[in-house]
Amino acid sequence: GQSAHGQSLKLGLYPSLFLNNALIHFYSLT
């Protein structure tokens, strides 16, 4: 999950509301 976070930053997909919510959900759930 952390790797996916890093790759999304490299690809310029962040910030995105949909992605940001998924990241918050991932980090809070883990």
PDB file of all heavy atoms in Angstrom:
ATOM      1  N   GLY A   1       0.821  -1.210   0.000  1.00  0.00           N
ATOM      2  CA  GLY A   1       0.000   0.000   0.000  1.00  0.00           C
ATOM      3  C   GLY A   1       0.854   1.258   0.000  1.00  0.00           C
ATOM      4  O   GLY A   1       0.549   2.226  -0.710  1.00  0.00           O
ATOM      5  N   GLN A   2       1.921   1.235   0.793  1.00  0.00           N
ATOM      6  CA  GLN A   2       2.837   2.387   0.825  1.00  0.00           C
ATOM      7  C   GLN A   2       3.518   2.565  -0.534  1.00  0.00           C
ATOM      8  O   GLN A   2       3.732   3.697  -0.992  1.00  0.00           O
ATOM      9  CB  GLN A   2       3.869   2.188   1.937  1.00  0.00           C
ATOM     10  CG  GLN A   2       3.264   2.289   3.325  1.00  0.00           C
ATOM     11  CD  GLN A   2       4.184   1.750   4.417  1.00  0.00           C
ATOM     12  OE1 GLN A   2       5.124   1.003   4.127  1.00  0.00           O
ATOM     13  NE2 GLN A   2       3.916   2.116   5.653  1.00  0.00           N
ATOM     14  N   SER A   3       3.861   1.451  -1.173  1.00  0.00           N
ATOM     15  CA  SER A   3       4.465   1.497  -2.503  1.00  0.00           C
ATOM     16  C   SER A   3       3.488   2.105  -3.513  1.00  0.00           C
ATOM     17  O   SER A   3       3.876   2.936  -4.360  1.00  0.00           O
ATOM     18  CB  SER A   3       4.872   0.092  -2.948  1.00  0.00           C
ATOM     19  OG  SER A   3       5.371   0.098  -4.261  1.00  0.00           O
ATOM     20  N   ALA A   4       2.215   1.713  -3.425  1.00  0.00           N
ATOM     21  CA  ALA A   4       1.199   2.271  -4.312  1.00  0.00           C
ATOM     22  C   ALA A   4       1.066   3.778  -4.096  1.00  0.00           C
ATOM     23  O   ALA A   4       0.902   4.546  -5.056  1.00  0.00           O
ATOM     24  CB  ALA A   4      -0.147   1.583  -4.059  1.00  0.00           C
ATOM     25  N   HIS A   5       1.159   4.201  -2.844  1.00  0.00           N
ATOM     26  CA  HIS A   5       1.113   5.631  -2.517  1.00  0.00           C
ATOM     27  C   HIS A   5       2.253   6.367  -3.229  1.00  0.00           C
ATOM     28  O   HIS A   5       2.036   7.395  -3.888  1.00  0.00           O
ATOM     29  CB  HIS A   5       1.220   5.806  -1.006  1.00  0.00           C
ATOM     30  CG  HIS A   5       1.082   7.227  -0.548  1.00  0.00           C
ATOM     31  ND1 HIS A   5       1.229   7.592   0.772  1.00  0.00           N
ATOM     32  CD2 HIS A   5       0.823   8.385  -1.224  1.00  0.00           C
ATOM     33  CE1 HIS A   5       1.054   8.892   0.885  1.00  0.00           C
ATOM     34  NE2 HIS A   5       0.811   9.399  -0.316  1.00  0.00           N
ATOM     35  N   GLY A   6       3.462   5.810  -3.098  1.00  0.00           N
ATOM     36  CA  GLY A   6       4.628   6.435  -3.732  1.00  0.00           C
ATOM     37  C   GLY A   6       4.501   6.495  -5.250  1.00  0.00           C
ATOM     38  O   GLY A   6       4.823   7.515  -5.882  1.00  0.00           O
ATOM     39  N   GLN A   7       4.036   5.410  -5.854  1.00  0.00           N
ATOM     40  CA  GLN A   7       3.901   5.371  -7.311  1.00  0.00           C
ATOM     41  C   GLN A   7       2.853   6.366  -7.805  1.00  0.00           C
ATOM     42  O   GLN A   7       3.011   6.974  -8.865  1.00  0.00           O
ATOM     43  CB  GLN A   7       3.540   3.953  -7.751  1.00  0.00           C
ATOM     44  CG  GLN A   7       4.688   2.957  -7.607  1.00  0.00           C
ATOM     45  CD  GLN A   7       4.233   1.532  -7.834  1.00  0.00           C
ATOM     46  OE1 GLN A   7       3.464   1.265  -8.733  1.00  0.00           O
ATOM     47  NE2 GLN A   7       4.719   0.615  -7.002  1.00  0.00           N
ATOM     48  N   SER A   8       1.783   6.537  -7.031  1.00  0.00           N
ATOM     49  CA  SER A   8       0.749   7.499  -7.446  1.00  0.00           C
ATOM     50  C   SER A   8       1.309   8.919  -7.446  1.00  0.00           C
ATOM     51  O   SER A   8       0.934   9.742  -8.291  1.00  0.00           O
ATOM     52  CB  SER A   8      -0.467   7.408  -6.526  1.00  0.00           C
ATOM     53  OG  SER A   8      -0.168   7.881  -5.219  1.00  0.00           O
ATOM     54  N   LEU A   9       2.225   9.222  -6.504  1.00  0.00           N
ATOM     55  CA  LEU A   9       2.861  10.539  -6.469  1.00  0.00           C
ATOM     56  C   LEU A   9       3.773  10.732  -7.681  1.00  0.00           C
ATOM     57  O   LEU A   9       3.770  11.789  -8.320  1.00  0.00           O
ATOM     58  CB  LEU A   9       3.660  10.705  -5.173  1.00  0.00           C
ATOM     59  CG  LEU A   9       2.853  10.771  -3.863  1.00  0.00           C
ATOM     60  CD1 LEU A   9       3.790  10.763  -2.665  1.00  0.00           C
ATOM     61  CD2 LEU A   9       1.975  12.013  -3.840  1.00  0.00           C
ATOM     62  N   LYS A  10       4.543   9.688  -7.988  1.00  0.00           N
ATOM     63  CA  LYS A  10       5.473   9.768  -9.129  1.00  0.00           C
ATOM     64  C   LYS A  10       4.736   9.987 -10.440  1.00  0.00           C
ATOM     65  O   LYS A  10       5.207  10.691 -11.337  1.00  0.00           O
ATOM     66  CB  LYS A  10       6.298   8.481  -9.223  1.00  0.00           C
ATOM     67  CG  LYS A  10       7.385   8.364  -8.162  1.00  0.00           C
ATOM     68  CD  LYS A  10       8.153   7.062  -8.349  1.00  0.00           C
ATOM     69  CE  LYS A  10       9.214   6.898  -7.254  1.00  0.00           C
ATOM     70  NZ  LYS A  10       9.946   5.613  -7.410  1.00  0.00           N
ATOM     71  N   LEU A  11       3.560   9.376 -10.571  1.00  0.00           N
ATOM     72  CA  LEU A  11       2.794   9.470 -11.817  1.00  0.00           C
ATOM     73  C   LEU A  11       1.942  10.743 -11.885  1.00  0.00           C
ATOM     74  O   LEU A  11       1.224  10.956 -12.866  1.00  0.00           O
ATOM     75  CB  LEU A  11       1.891   8.237 -11.973  1.00  0.00           C
ATOM     76  CG  LEU A  11       2.630   6.914 -12.219  1.00  0.00           C
ATOM     77  CD1 LEU A  11       1.673   5.744 -12.096  1.00  0.00           C
ATOM     78  CD2 LEU A  11       3.276   6.925 -13.602  1.00  0.00           C
ATOM     79  N   GLY A  12       2.007  11.552 -10.824  1.00  0.00           N
ATOM     80  CA  GLY A  12       1.266  12.810 -10.836  1.00  0.00           C
ATOM     81  C   GLY A  12      -0.229  12.662 -10.688  1.00  0.00           C
ATOM     82  O   GLY A  12      -0.990  13.543 -11.107  1.00  0.00           O
ATOM     83  N   LEU A  13      -0.678  11.543 -10.095  1.00  0.00           N
ATOM     84  CA  LEU A  13      -2.116  11.298  -9.937  1.00  0.00           C
ATOM     85  C   LEU A  13      -2.677  11.923  -8.651  1.00  0.00           C
ATOM     86  O   LEU A  13      -3.877  11.847  -8.387  1.00  0.00           O
ATOM     87  CB  LEU A  13      -2.396   9.793  -9.939  1.00  0.00           C
ATOM     88  CG  LEU A  13      -2.006   9.049 -11.216  1.00  0.00           C
ATOM     89  CD1 LEU A  13      -2.192   7.551 -11.038  1.00  0.00           C
ATOM     90  CD2 LEU A  13      -2.824   9.556 -12.394  1.00  0.00           C
ATOM     91  N   TYR A  14      -1.770  12.509  -7.872  1.00  0.00           N
ATOM     92  CA  TYR A  14      -2.170  13.090  -6.585  1.00  0.00           C
ATOM     93  C   TYR A  14      -1.940  14.598  -6.652  1.00  0.00           C
ATOM     94  O   TYR A  14      -0.931  15.026  -7.225  1.00  0.00           O
ATOM     95  CB  TYR A  14      -1.330  12.459  -5.467  1.00  0.00           C
ATOM     96  CG  TYR A  14      -1.763  12.813  -4.074  1.00  0.00           C
ATOM     97  CD1 TYR A  14      -2.769  12.078  -3.448  1.00  0.00           C
ATOM     98  CD2 TYR A  14      -1.196  13.892  -3.396  1.00  0.00           C
ATOM     99  CE1 TYR A  14      -3.175  12.400  -2.156  1.00  0.00           C
ATOM    100  CE2 TYR A  14      -1.602  14.213  -2.112  1.00  0.00           C
ATOM    101  CZ  TYR A  14      -2.593  13.475  -1.500  1.00  0.00           C
ATOM    102  OH  TYR A  14      -3.011  13.793  -0.240  1.00  0.00           O
ATOM    103  N   PRO A  15      -2.797  15.499  -6.157  1.00  0.00           N
ATOM    104  CA  PRO A  15      -3.981  15.169  -5.359  1.00  0.00           C
ATOM    105  C   PRO A  15      -5.208  14.826  -6.204  1.00  0.00           C
ATOM    106  O   PRO A  15      -5.399  15.371  -7.271  1.00  0.00           O
ATOM    107  CB  PRO A  15      -4.222  16.438  -4.567  1.00  0.00           C
ATOM    108  CG  PRO A  15      -3.727  17.528  -5.460  1.00  0.00           C
ATOM    109  CD  PRO A  15      -2.562  16.951  -6.211  1.00  0.00           C
ATOM    110  N   SER A  16      -5.977  13.934  -5.687  1.00  0.00           N
ATOM    111  CA  SER A  16      -7.247  13.516  -6.280  1.00  0.00           C
ATOM    112  C   SER A  16      -8.137  13.109  -5.111  1.00  0.00           C
ATOM    113  O   SER A  16      -7.695  12.396  -4.211  1.00  0.00           O
ATOM    114  CB  SER A  16      -7.021  12.336  -7.222  1.00  0.00           C
ATOM    115  OG  SER A  16      -8.135  11.477  -7.249  1.00  0.00           O
ATOM    116  N   LEU A  17      -9.361  13.587  -5.089  1.00  0.00           N
ATOM    117  CA  LEU A  17     -10.257  13.298  -3.968  1.00  0.00           C
ATOM    118  C   LEU A  17     -10.454  11.800  -3.794  1.00  0.00           C
ATOM    119  O   LEU A  17     -10.374  11.266  -2.680  1.00  0.00           O
ATOM    120  CB  LEU A  17     -11.613  13.981  -4.191  1.00  0.00           C
ATOM    121  CG  LEU A  17     -12.669  13.747  -3.094  1.00  0.00           C
ATOM    122  CD1 LEU A  17     -12.174  14.256  -1.751  1.00  0.00           C
ATOM    123  CD2 LEU A  17     -13.991  14.414  -3.477  1.00  0.00           C
ATOM    124  N   PHE A  18     -10.684  11.094  -4.903  1.00  0.00           N
ATOM    125  CA  PHE A  18     -10.918   9.659  -4.870  1.00  0.00           C
ATOM    126  C   PHE A  18      -9.693   8.936  -4.311  1.00  0.00           C
ATOM    127  O   PHE A  18      -9.791   8.071  -3.424  1.00  0.00           O
ATOM    128  CB  PHE A  18     -11.238   9.183  -6.290  1.00  0.00           C
ATOM    129  CG  PHE A  18     -11.756   7.774  -6.373  1.00  0.00           C
ATOM    130  CD1 PHE A  18     -12.493   7.206  -5.348  1.00  0.00           C
ATOM    131  CD2 PHE A  18     -11.511   7.007  -7.507  1.00  0.00           C
ATOM    132  CE1 PHE A  18     -12.977   5.911  -5.437  1.00  0.00           C
ATOM    133  CE2 PHE A  18     -11.988   5.712  -7.613  1.00  0.00           C
ATOM    134  CZ  PHE A  18     -12.720   5.166  -6.568  1.00  0.00           C
ATOM    135  N   LEU A  19      -8.499   9.329  -4.777  1.00  0.00           N
ATOM    136  CA  LEU A  19      -7.255   8.698  -4.332  1.00  0.00           C
ATOM    137  C   LEU A  19      -6.946   9.079  -2.887  1.00  0.00           C
ATOM    138  O   LEU A  19      -6.521   8.240  -2.086  1.00  0.00           O
ATOM    139  CB  LEU A  19      -6.107   9.111  -5.251  1.00  0.00           C
ATOM    140  CG  LEU A  19      -4.703   8.585  -4.900  1.00  0.00           C
ATOM    141  CD1 LEU A  19      -4.696   7.064  -4.815  1.00  0.00           C
ATOM    142  CD2 LEU A  19      -3.688   9.067  -5.937  1.00  0.00           C
ATOM    143  N   ASN A  20      -7.152  10.342  -2.550  1.00  0.00           N
ATOM    144  CA  ASN A  20      -6.878  10.786  -1.188  1.00  0.00           C
ATOM    145  C   ASN A  20      -7.732  10.031  -0.174  1.00  0.00           C
ATOM    146  O   ASN A  20      -7.254   9.601   0.881  1.00  0.00           O
ATOM    147  CB  ASN A  20      -7.137  12.289  -1.070  1.00  0.00           C
ATOM    148  CG  ASN A  20      -6.650  12.853   0.246  1.00  0.00           C
ATOM    149  OD1 ASN A  20      -5.482  12.716   0.591  1.00  0.00           O
ATOM    150  ND2 ASN A  20      -7.538  13.479   1.001  1.00  0.00           N
ATOM    151  N   ASN A  21      -9.006   9.845  -0.491  1.00  0.00           N
ATOM    152  CA  ASN A  21      -9.896   9.100   0.407  1.00  0.00           C
ATOM    153  C   ASN A  21      -9.442   7.647   0.553  1.00  0.00           C
ATOM    154  O   ASN A  21      -9.506   7.068   1.642  1.00  0.00           O
ATOM    155  CB  ASN A  21     -11.331   9.144  -0.113  1.00  0.00           C
ATOM    156  CG  ASN A  21     -11.979  10.492   0.106  1.00  0.00           C
ATOM    157  OD1 ASN A  21     -11.465  11.314   0.860  1.00  0.00           O
ATOM    158  ND2 ASN A  21     -13.100  10.742  -0.557  1.00  0.00           N
ATOM    159  N   ALA A  22      -8.981   7.076  -0.571  1.00  0.00           N
ATOM    160  CA  ALA A  22      -8.488   5.686  -0.525  1.00  0.00           C
ATOM    161  C   ALA A  22      -7.248   5.583   0.356  1.00  0.00           C
ATOM    162  O   ALA A  22      -7.083   4.609   1.108  1.00  0.00           O
ATOM    163  CB  ALA A  22      -8.179   5.192  -1.935  1.00  0.00           C
ATOM    164  N   LEU A  23      -6.374   6.572   0.291  1.00  0.00           N
ATOM    165  CA  LEU A  23      -5.149   6.575   1.111  1.00  0.00           C
ATOM    166  C   LEU A  23      -5.494   6.741   2.592  1.00  0.00           C
ATOM    167  O   LEU A  23      -4.931   6.045   3.450  1.00  0.00           O
ATOM    168  CB  LEU A  23      -4.206   7.691   0.656  1.00  0.00           C
ATOM    169  CG  LEU A  23      -3.455   7.436  -0.654  1.00  0.00           C
ATOM    170  CD1 LEU A  23      -2.821   8.717  -1.171  1.00  0.00           C
ATOM    171  CD2 LEU A  23      -2.394   6.348  -0.470  1.00  0.00           C
ATOM    172  N   ILE A  24      -6.403   7.669   2.899  1.00  0.00           N
ATOM    173  CA  ILE A  24      -6.818   7.856   4.294  1.00  0.00           C
ATOM    174  C   ILE A  24      -7.416   6.559   4.832  1.00  0.00           C
ATOM    175  O   ILE A  24      -7.111   6.129   5.957  1.00  0.00           O
ATOM    176  CB  ILE A  24      -7.841   9.015   4.402  1.00  0.00           C
ATOM    177  CG1 ILE A  24      -7.165  10.352   4.099  1.00  0.00           C
ATOM    178  CG2 ILE A  24      -8.474   9.046   5.795  1.00  0.00           C
ATOM    179  CD1 ILE A  24      -8.139  11.508   3.965  1.00  0.00           C
ATOM    180  N   HIS A  25      -8.258   5.939   4.021  1.00  0.00           N
ATOM    181  CA  HIS A  25      -8.889   4.673   4.426  1.00  0.00           C
ATOM    182  C   HIS A  25      -7.825   3.597   4.646  1.00  0.00           C
ATOM    183  O   HIS A  25      -7.867   2.866   5.650  1.00  0.00           O
ATOM    184  CB  HIS A  25      -9.874   4.233   3.350  1.00  0.00           C
ATOM    185  CG  HIS A  25     -10.574   2.951   3.653  1.00  0.00           C
ATOM    186  ND1 HIS A  25     -11.549   2.848   4.605  1.00  0.00           N
ATOM    187  CD2 HIS A  25     -10.426   1.703   3.130  1.00  0.00           C
ATOM    188  CE1 HIS A  25     -11.982   1.605   4.665  1.00  0.00           C
ATOM    189  NE2 HIS A  25     -11.321   0.883   3.778  1.00  0.00           N
ATOM    190  N   PHE A  26      -6.865   3.492   3.735  1.00  0.00           N
ATOM    191  CA  PHE A  26      -5.821   2.475   3.845  1.00  0.00           C
ATOM    192  C   PHE A  26      -4.994   2.671   5.112  1.00  0.00           C
ATOM    193  O   PHE A  26      -4.788   1.730   5.891  1.00  0.00           O
ATOM    194  CB  PHE A  26      -4.903   2.529   2.617  1.00  0.00           C
ATOM    195  CG  PHE A  26      -3.581   1.830   2.810  1.00  0.00           C
ATOM    196  CD1 PHE A  26      -3.508   0.453   2.864  1.00  0.00           C
ATOM    197  CD2 PHE A  26      -2.406   2.563   2.975  1.00  0.00           C
ATOM    198  CE1 PHE A  26      -2.298  -0.196   3.069  1.00  0.00           C
ATOM    199  CE2 PHE A  26      -1.190   1.928   3.178  1.00  0.00           C
ATOM    200  CZ  PHE A  26      -1.140   0.544   3.222  1.00  0.00           C
ATOM    201  N   TYR A  27      -4.509   3.891   5.342  1.00  0.00           N
ATOM    202  CA  TYR A  27      -3.629   4.120   6.493  1.00  0.00           C
ATOM    203  C   TYR A  27      -4.380   3.991   7.819  1.00  0.00           C
ATOM    204  O   TYR A  27      -3.839   3.480   8.805  1.00  0.00           O
ATOM    205  CB  TYR A  27      -2.969   5.497   6.392  1.00  0.00           C
ATOM    206  CG  TYR A  27      -1.818   5.526   5.410  1.00  0.00           C
ATOM    207  CD1 TYR A  27      -1.868   6.296   4.249  1.00  0.00           C
ATOM    208  CD2 TYR A  27      -0.668   4.765   5.638  1.00  0.00           C
ATOM    209  CE1 TYR A  27      -0.816   6.315   3.343  1.00  0.00           C
ATOM    210  CE2 TYR A  27       0.393   4.781   4.739  1.00  0.00           C
ATOM    211  CZ  TYR A  27       0.315   5.549   3.595  1.00  0.00           C
ATOM    212  OH  TYR A  27       1.354   5.549   2.704  1.00  0.00           O
ATOM    213  N   SER A  28      -5.622   4.416   7.864  1.00  0.00           N
ATOM    214  CA  SER A  28      -6.386   4.296   9.108  1.00  0.00           C
ATOM    215  C   SER A  28      -6.749   2.846   9.393  1.00  0.00           C
ATOM    216  O   SER A  28      -6.767   2.404  10.544  1.00  0.00           O
ATOM    217  CB  SER A  28      -7.651   5.154   9.049  1.00  0.00           C
ATOM    218  OG  SER A  28      -8.520   4.712   8.032  1.00  0.00           O
ATOM    219  N   LEU A  29      -7.016   2.084   8.333  1.00  0.00           N
ATOM    220  CA  LEU A  29      -7.414   0.684   8.508  1.00  0.00           C
ATOM    221  C   LEU A  29      -6.232  -0.207   8.886  1.00  0.00           C
ATOM    222  O   LEU A  29      -6.406  -1.251   9.513  1.00  0.00           O
ATOM    223  CB  LEU A  29      -8.055   0.170   7.215  1.00  0.00           C
ATOM    224  CG  LEU A  29      -9.068  -0.968   7.358  1.00  0.00           C
ATOM    225  CD1 LEU A  29     -10.257  -0.525   8.187  1.00  0.00           C
ATOM    226  CD2 LEU A  29      -9.550  -1.445   5.996  1.00  0.00           C
ATOM    227  N   THR A  30      -5.012   0.213   8.500  1.00  0.00           N
ATOM    228  CA  THR A  30      -3.828  -0.601   8.793  1.00  0.00           C
ATOM    229  C   THR A  30      -3.073  -0.090  10.022  1.00  0.00           C
ATOM    230  O   THR A  30      -1.903  -0.415  10.214  1.00  0.00           O
ATOM    231  CB  THR A  30      -2.879  -0.632   7.578  1.00  0.00           C
ATOM    232  OG1 THR A  30      -2.570   0.704   7.164  1.00  0.00           O
ATOM    233  CG2 THR A  30      -3.516  -1.383   6.424  1.00  0.00           C
TER     234      THR A  30
END
